[in-house]
Amino acid sequence: MRARSFSVLLLTFVVFITVVLPSNGTTITYVYDGPFRSIPADANLNIGPMDDAVIDVPEHLIISDLDVAVDIVHTNIFDLEMILKGPTGQEIYLNAYYDTNDFIKAQNYSNTVFDDEAVLAIEQGSAPFTGSFKPKDGNFLSTFDGTDAFGQWRLYINDLYYEDSGYLENFELRITVPEPAAFVLFTLAGLLLRRRD
C-alpha cells in the first residue's frame, strides 16, 4: 500500500512538472570561431558578398527551436542581405536589403538575436537592432524544427550597395533540443503504478 502511495505521489509530481510548469528543453550554443569576416570580402571594393561564416555542429541533435545571434559592424546595415543556410541546403532570409530611397544610414547589428518568438519583426526595429527580432517577413527559423542539426551551417551576407563596408564580428546558433528527462520520469511512474496494481 505504501509503495502504491509513493507511485501515485511520484506520478502526481511528474505530471505537475511536465504539464503545469513550462519545459523549454536544453539550449546548446554553437559559436563561429573563425576570423572577423570583411563585408564585402574584397577590401578594395565596397559592394559584394562576404566570405561565408561557417559553424560546424558535430552532434546529431533534433532541433525543437533555433535562434541566431549576430554582431555586425558596418557603416550602413540597410545595404545588407543576410541568409542562413542549414546542413541540408534549406535557406531562410534573416533580413533583407532596404531600399529606403532617402539615403538614411544606420550602423551595426549589436547583440541582435533572430527569434521566431520575438515581438517585433526585423523590419520594425531600428539600428543597432539590439535585442530579439523575428526574421524577415515570410521567413521562419521554425523551417529547421524537427531536423538534424548535424553538419555545416553557413551565414551568407551580401553588401548590395556601394560606398559602405564593415565586418562580421560574431555569429551564433542557439539550438534547443527536447528535454527527455520528464518523459522518462513520467513513463517510470506509470510503470511503477501498474506493477503495484
C-alpha atoms as a PDB file:
ATOM      1  CA  MET A   1       0.000   0.000   0.000  1.00  0.00           C
ATOM      2  CA  ARG A   2       2.867   2.315   0.889  1.00  0.00           C
ATOM      3  CA  ALA A   3       4.586   1.564  -2.457  1.00  0.00           C
ATOM      4  CA  ARG A   4       1.359   2.365  -4.319  1.00  0.00           C
ATOM      5  CA  SER A   5       1.007   5.648  -2.430  1.00  0.00           C
ATOM      6  CA  PHE A   6       4.602   6.532  -3.327  1.00  0.00           C
ATOM      7  CA  SER A   7       3.932   5.717  -7.001  1.00  0.00           C
ATOM      8  CA  VAL A   8       0.808   7.877  -7.023  1.00  0.00           C
ATOM      9  CA  LEU A   9       2.749  10.717  -5.380  1.00  0.00           C
ATOM     10  CA  LEU A  10       5.604  10.365  -7.895  1.00  0.00           C
ATOM     11  CA  LEU A  11       3.168  10.307 -10.810  1.00  0.00           C
ATOM     12  CA  THR A  12       1.396  13.415  -9.488  1.00  0.00           C
ATOM     13  CA  PHE A  13       4.720  15.215  -9.093  1.00  0.00           C
ATOM     14  CA  VAL A  14       5.863  14.336 -12.603  1.00  0.00           C
ATOM     15  CA  VAL A  15       2.526  15.385 -14.123  1.00  0.00           C
ATOM     16  CA  PHE A  16       2.875  18.710 -12.303  1.00  0.00           C
ATOM     17  CA  ILE A  17       6.381  19.228 -13.700  1.00  0.00           C
ATOM     18  CA  THR A  18       5.534  18.243 -17.276  1.00  0.00           C
ATOM     19  CA  VAL A  19       2.128  19.902 -17.571  1.00  0.00           C
ATOM     20  CA  VAL A  20       1.922  22.822 -15.145  1.00  0.00           C
ATOM     21  CA  LEU A  21       5.497  24.064 -15.309  1.00  0.00           C
ATOM     22  CA  PRO A  22       6.946  25.139 -18.663  1.00  0.00           C
ATOM     23  CA  SER A  23       9.563  22.810 -20.138  1.00  0.00           C
ATOM     24  CA  ASN A  24      11.779  24.504 -22.681  1.00  0.00           C
ATOM     25  CA  GLY A  25      14.288  21.736 -23.210  1.00  0.00           C
ATOM     26  CA  THR A  26      18.020  22.281 -23.299  1.00  0.00           C
ATOM     27  CA  THR A  27      19.630  25.062 -25.337  1.00  0.00           C
ATOM     28  CA  ILE A  28      23.098  24.497 -26.760  1.00  0.00           C
ATOM     29  CA  THR A  29      25.016  27.431 -28.224  1.00  0.00           C
ATOM     30  CA  TYR A  30      27.478  26.983 -31.080  1.00  0.00           C
ATOM     31  CA  VAL A  31      29.744  29.946 -31.810  1.00  0.00           C
ATOM     32  CA  TYR A  32      31.528  30.814 -35.039  1.00  0.00           C
ATOM     33  CA  ASP A  33      35.202  30.705 -34.092  1.00  0.00           C
ATOM     34  CA  GLY A  34      36.770  31.951 -37.302  1.00  0.00           C
ATOM     35  CA  PRO A  35      38.285  35.358 -38.007  1.00  0.00           C
ATOM     36  CA  PHE A  36      36.237  38.510 -38.428  1.00  0.00           C
ATOM     37  CA  ARG A  37      34.747  38.452 -41.947  1.00  0.00           C
ATOM     38  CA  SER A  38      35.015  41.598 -44.071  1.00  0.00           C
ATOM     39  CA  ILE A  39      31.795  42.798 -45.695  1.00  0.00           C
ATOM     40  CA  PRO A  40      32.344  42.688 -48.616  1.00  0.00           C
ATOM     41  CA  ALA A  41      35.179  40.142 -48.707  1.00  0.00           C
ATOM     42  CA  ASP A  42      37.331  42.214 -51.062  1.00  0.00           C
ATOM     43  CA  ALA A  43      38.640  45.131 -49.034  1.00  0.00           C
ATOM     44  CA  ASN A  44      39.210  47.084 -52.252  1.00  0.00           C
ATOM     45  CA  LEU A  45      35.511  47.027 -53.063  1.00  0.00           C
ATOM     46  CA  ASN A  46      32.517  48.378 -51.197  1.00  0.00           C
ATOM     47  CA  ILE A  47      29.896  46.109 -52.719  1.00  0.00           C
ATOM     48  CA  GLY A  48      29.620  42.317 -52.897  1.00  0.00           C
ATOM     49  CA  PRO A  49      29.458  39.191 -50.715  1.00  0.00           C
ATOM     50  CA  MET A  50      31.270  38.316 -47.536  1.00  0.00           C
ATOM     51  CA  ASP A  51      33.179  35.027 -47.375  1.00  0.00           C
ATOM     52  CA  ASP A  52      30.813  32.564 -45.685  1.00  0.00           C
ATOM     53  CA  ALA A  53      30.946  32.227 -41.909  1.00  0.00           C
ATOM     54  CA  VAL A  54      30.601  28.525 -41.062  1.00  0.00           C
ATOM     55  CA  ILE A  55      29.578  26.794 -37.838  1.00  0.00           C
ATOM     56  CA  ASP A  56      30.139  23.042 -37.788  1.00  0.00           C
ATOM     57  CA  VAL A  57      27.706  21.268 -35.435  1.00  0.00           C
ATOM     58  CA  PRO A  58      29.441  17.984 -34.526  1.00  0.00           C
ATOM     59  CA  GLU A  59      26.472  16.261 -32.898  1.00  0.00           C
ATOM     60  CA  HIS A  60      23.230  14.740 -34.126  1.00  0.00           C
ATOM     61  CA  LEU A  61      20.575  16.861 -32.421  1.00  0.00           C
ATOM     62  CA  ILE A  62      16.899  17.148 -33.266  1.00  0.00           C
ATOM     63  CA  ILE A  63      16.003  20.842 -33.277  1.00  0.00           C
ATOM     64  CA  SER A  64      12.906  21.924 -31.384  1.00  0.00           C
ATOM     65  CA  ASP A  65      13.774  25.625 -31.618  1.00  0.00           C
ATOM     66  CA  LEU A  66      16.514  27.651 -33.283  1.00  0.00           C
ATOM     67  CA  ASP A  67      17.668  31.214 -32.678  1.00  0.00           C
ATOM     68  CA  VAL A  68      20.530  33.017 -34.428  1.00  0.00           C
ATOM     69  CA  ALA A  69      22.647  35.789 -32.885  1.00  0.00           C
ATOM     70  CA  VAL A  70      24.895  38.186 -34.798  1.00  0.00           C
ATOM     71  CA  ASP A  71      27.132  41.164 -34.180  1.00  0.00           C
ATOM     72  CA  ILE A  72      27.974  43.172 -37.301  1.00  0.00           C
ATOM     73  CA  VAL A  73      29.904  46.409 -37.572  1.00  0.00           C
ATOM     74  CA  HIS A  74      29.003  48.197 -40.799  1.00  0.00           C
ATOM     75  CA  THR A  75      28.614  51.798 -41.915  1.00  0.00           C
ATOM     76  CA  ASN A  76      25.171  51.099 -43.401  1.00  0.00           C
ATOM     77  CA  ILE A  77      23.433  47.881 -42.443  1.00  0.00           C
ATOM     78  CA  PHE A  78      20.471  48.728 -44.671  1.00  0.00           C
ATOM     79  CA  ASP A  79      22.748  47.660 -47.542  1.00  0.00           C
ATOM     80  CA  LEU A  80      22.981  44.116 -46.216  1.00  0.00           C
ATOM     81  CA  GLU A  81      21.170  40.907 -47.054  1.00  0.00           C
ATOM     82  CA  MET A  82      21.674  38.062 -44.566  1.00  0.00           C
ATOM     83  CA  ILE A  83      20.861  34.399 -45.300  1.00  0.00           C
ATOM     84  CA  LEU A  84      21.158  31.334 -43.056  1.00  0.00           C
ATOM     85  CA  LYS A  85      21.743  28.006 -44.806  1.00  0.00           C
ATOM     86  CA  GLY A  86      21.334  24.724 -42.937  1.00  0.00           C
ATOM     87  CA  PRO A  87      23.257  21.462 -43.424  1.00  0.00           C
ATOM     88  CA  THR A  88      20.665  20.055 -45.848  1.00  0.00           C
ATOM     89  CA  GLY A  89      20.597  23.176 -48.020  1.00  0.00           C
ATOM     90  CA  GLN A  90      17.484  24.829 -46.577  1.00  0.00           C
ATOM     91  CA  GLU A  91      17.793  28.620 -46.549  1.00  0.00           C
ATOM     92  CA  ILE A  92      15.958  31.485 -44.904  1.00  0.00           C
ATOM     93  CA  TYR A  93      16.462  35.246 -45.085  1.00  0.00           C
ATOM     94  CA  LEU A  94      17.189  36.746 -41.685  1.00  0.00           C
ATOM     95  CA  ASN A  95      16.940  40.269 -43.039  1.00  0.00           C
ATOM     96  CA  ALA A  96      16.915  41.942 -46.438  1.00  0.00           C
ATOM     97  CA  TYR A  97      18.301  44.943 -48.201  1.00  0.00           C
ATOM     98  CA  TYR A  98      16.166  48.028 -47.555  1.00  0.00           C
ATOM     99  CA  ASP A  99      15.710  50.375 -50.483  1.00  0.00           C
ATOM    100  CA  THR A 100      14.947  53.483 -48.445  1.00  0.00           C
ATOM    101  CA  ASN A 101      15.473  55.980 -51.285  1.00  0.00           C
ATOM    102  CA  ASP A 102      16.223  58.687 -48.750  1.00  0.00           C
ATOM    103  CA  PHE A 103      19.890  58.000 -48.016  1.00  0.00           C
ATOM    104  CA  ILE A 104      19.273  57.008 -44.407  1.00  0.00           C
ATOM    105  CA  LYS A 105      22.316  55.281 -42.976  1.00  0.00           C
ATOM    106  CA  ALA A 106      22.315  53.107 -39.888  1.00  0.00           C
ATOM    107  CA  GLN A 107      25.193  51.337 -38.238  1.00  0.00           C
ATOM    108  CA  ASN A 108      25.647  47.908 -36.737  1.00  0.00           C
ATOM    109  CA  TYR A 109      23.760  44.888 -35.546  1.00  0.00           C
ATOM    110  CA  SER A 110      24.654  44.789 -31.858  1.00  0.00           C
ATOM    111  CA  ASN A 111      23.707  41.665 -29.877  1.00  0.00           C
ATOM    112  CA  THR A 112      20.948  41.020 -32.401  1.00  0.00           C
ATOM    113  CA  VAL A 113      19.003  37.788 -31.996  1.00  0.00           C
ATOM    114  CA  PHE A 114      16.727  36.410 -34.694  1.00  0.00           C
ATOM    115  CA  ASP A 115      13.938  34.523 -32.941  1.00  0.00           C
ATOM    116  CA  ASP A 116      10.545  33.422 -34.284  1.00  0.00           C
ATOM    117  CA  GLU A 117       9.027  34.119 -30.856  1.00  0.00           C
ATOM    118  CA  ALA A 118      10.184  37.760 -30.734  1.00  0.00           C
ATOM    119  CA  VAL A 119       7.559  40.501 -30.513  1.00  0.00           C
ATOM    120  CA  LEU A 120       8.992  42.722 -33.264  1.00  0.00           C
ATOM    121  CA  ALA A 121       9.907  41.796 -36.826  1.00  0.00           C
ATOM    122  CA  ILE A 122      13.324  42.946 -38.025  1.00  0.00           C
ATOM    123  CA  GLU A 123      11.558  45.430 -40.331  1.00  0.00           C
ATOM    124  CA  GLN A 124      10.036  47.103 -37.253  1.00  0.00           C
ATOM    125  CA  GLY A 125      13.338  47.549 -35.437  1.00  0.00           C
ATOM    126  CA  SER A 126      15.904  50.297 -35.602  1.00  0.00           C
ATOM    127  CA  ALA A 127      19.689  50.276 -35.564  1.00  0.00           C
ATOM    128  CA  PRO A 128      21.662  48.965 -33.808  1.00  0.00           C
ATOM    129  CA  PHE A 129      18.879  46.338 -33.543  1.00  0.00           C
ATOM    130  CA  THR A 130      19.846  45.277 -30.026  1.00  0.00           C
ATOM    131  CA  GLY A 131      17.538  42.542 -28.729  1.00  0.00           C
ATOM    132  CA  SER A 132      15.330  39.907 -30.363  1.00  0.00           C
ATOM    133  CA  PHE A 133      13.530  40.191 -33.697  1.00  0.00           C
ATOM    134  CA  LYS A 134      11.586  37.891 -35.986  1.00  0.00           C
ATOM    135  CA  PRO A 135      13.365  37.198 -39.282  1.00  0.00           C
ATOM    136  CA  LYS A 136      12.365  38.947 -42.499  1.00  0.00           C
ATOM    137  CA  ASP A 137       8.650  38.733 -43.222  1.00  0.00           C
ATOM    138  CA  GLY A 138       7.709  35.325 -44.625  1.00  0.00           C
ATOM    139  CA  ASN A 139      10.850  33.612 -43.291  1.00  0.00           C
ATOM    140  CA  PHE A 140      10.807  31.375 -40.227  1.00  0.00           C
ATOM    141  CA  LEU A 141      13.555  29.703 -38.249  1.00  0.00           C
ATOM    142  CA  SER A 142      10.954  27.014 -37.484  1.00  0.00           C
ATOM    143  CA  THR A 143      11.775  25.795 -41.004  1.00  0.00           C
ATOM    144  CA  PHE A 144      14.568  23.896 -39.246  1.00  0.00           C
ATOM    145  CA  ASP A 145      12.409  22.476 -36.419  1.00  0.00           C
ATOM    146  CA  GLY A 146      12.419  18.681 -36.350  1.00  0.00           C
ATOM    147  CA  THR A 147      15.573  18.445 -38.470  1.00  0.00           C
ATOM    148  CA  ASP A 148      19.016  17.155 -37.513  1.00  0.00           C
ATOM    149  CA  ALA A 149      21.426  19.982 -36.628  1.00  0.00           C
ATOM    150  CA  PHE A 150      24.493  17.916 -37.531  1.00  0.00           C
ATOM    151  CA  GLY A 151      26.739  19.428 -40.190  1.00  0.00           C
ATOM    152  CA  GLN A 152      27.751  22.816 -41.537  1.00  0.00           C
ATOM    153  CA  TRP A 153      25.625  25.922 -41.074  1.00  0.00           C
ATOM    154  CA  ARG A 154      26.507  28.904 -43.256  1.00  0.00           C
ATOM    155  CA  LEU A 155      25.793  32.576 -42.836  1.00  0.00           C
ATOM    156  CA  TYR A 156      25.818  34.496 -46.123  1.00  0.00           C
ATOM    157  CA  ILE A 157      25.984  38.272 -46.071  1.00  0.00           C
ATOM    158  CA  ASN A 158      25.810  40.366 -49.233  1.00  0.00           C
ATOM    159  CA  ASP A 159      26.516  44.083 -49.361  1.00  0.00           C
ATOM    160  CA  LEU A 160      24.181  45.181 -52.139  1.00  0.00           C
ATOM    161  CA  TYR A 161      25.041  48.856 -52.414  1.00  0.00           C
ATOM    162  CA  TYR A 162      28.132  50.983 -52.891  1.00  0.00           C
ATOM    163  CA  GLU A 163      30.030  53.272 -50.512  1.00  0.00           C
ATOM    164  CA  ASP A 164      29.828  51.325 -47.230  1.00  0.00           C
ATOM    165  CA  SER A 165      31.705  48.432 -45.674  1.00  0.00           C
ATOM    166  CA  GLY A 166      32.218  46.598 -42.400  1.00  0.00           C
ATOM    167  CA  TYR A 167      32.717  43.156 -40.902  1.00  0.00           C
ATOM    168  CA  LEU A 168      31.018  40.259 -39.122  1.00  0.00           C
ATOM    169  CA  GLU A 169      32.161  40.146 -35.516  1.00  0.00           C
ATOM    170  CA  ASN A 170      30.087  37.275 -34.095  1.00  0.00           C
ATOM    171  CA  PHE A 171      27.669  34.581 -35.247  1.00  0.00           C
ATOM    172  CA  GLU A 172      25.934  32.040 -33.000  1.00  0.00           C
ATOM    173  CA  LEU A 173      23.428  29.224 -33.341  1.00  0.00           C
ATOM    174  CA  ARG A 174      21.263  28.639 -30.273  1.00  0.00           C
ATOM    175  CA  ILE A 175      19.734  25.207 -30.691  1.00  0.00           C
ATOM    176  CA  THR A 176      17.062  23.970 -28.293  1.00  0.00           C
ATOM    177  CA  VAL A 177      16.571  20.210 -28.102  1.00  0.00           C
ATOM    178  CA  PRO A 178      13.699  18.406 -26.344  1.00  0.00           C
ATOM    179  CA  GLU A 179      14.258  17.580 -22.704  1.00  0.00           C
ATOM    180  CA  PRO A 180      13.731  13.805 -22.360  1.00  0.00           C
ATOM    181  CA  ALA A 181      14.075  13.577 -18.580  1.00  0.00           C
ATOM    182  CA  ALA A 182      10.460  14.481 -17.727  1.00  0.00           C
ATOM    183  CA  PHE A 183       9.157  11.997 -20.285  1.00  0.00           C
ATOM    184  CA  VAL A 184      11.318   9.228 -18.817  1.00  0.00           C
ATOM    185  CA  LEU A 185      10.132  10.009 -15.267  1.00  0.00           C
ATOM    186  CA  PHE A 186       6.512  10.040 -16.409  1.00  0.00           C
ATOM    187  CA  THR A 187       6.917   6.610 -18.033  1.00  0.00           C
ATOM    188  CA  LEU A 188       8.718   5.214 -14.970  1.00  0.00           C
ATOM    189  CA  ALA A 189       5.997   6.423 -12.613  1.00  0.00           C
ATOM    190  CA  GLY A 190       3.351   4.833 -14.831  1.00  0.00           C
ATOM    191  CA  LEU A 191       5.210   1.509 -14.844  1.00  0.00           C
ATOM    192  CA  LEU A 192       5.581   1.563 -11.050  1.00  0.00           C
ATOM    193  CA  LEU A 193       1.884   2.235 -10.694  1.00  0.00           C
ATOM    194  CA  ARG A 194       0.967  -0.723 -12.921  1.00  0.00           C
ATOM    195  CA  ARG A 195       3.291  -3.114 -11.084  1.00  0.00           C
ATOM    196  CA  ARG A 196       1.649  -2.286  -7.769  1.00  0.00           C
ATOM    197  CA  ASP A 197      -1.920  -2.842  -9.051  1.00  0.00           C
END
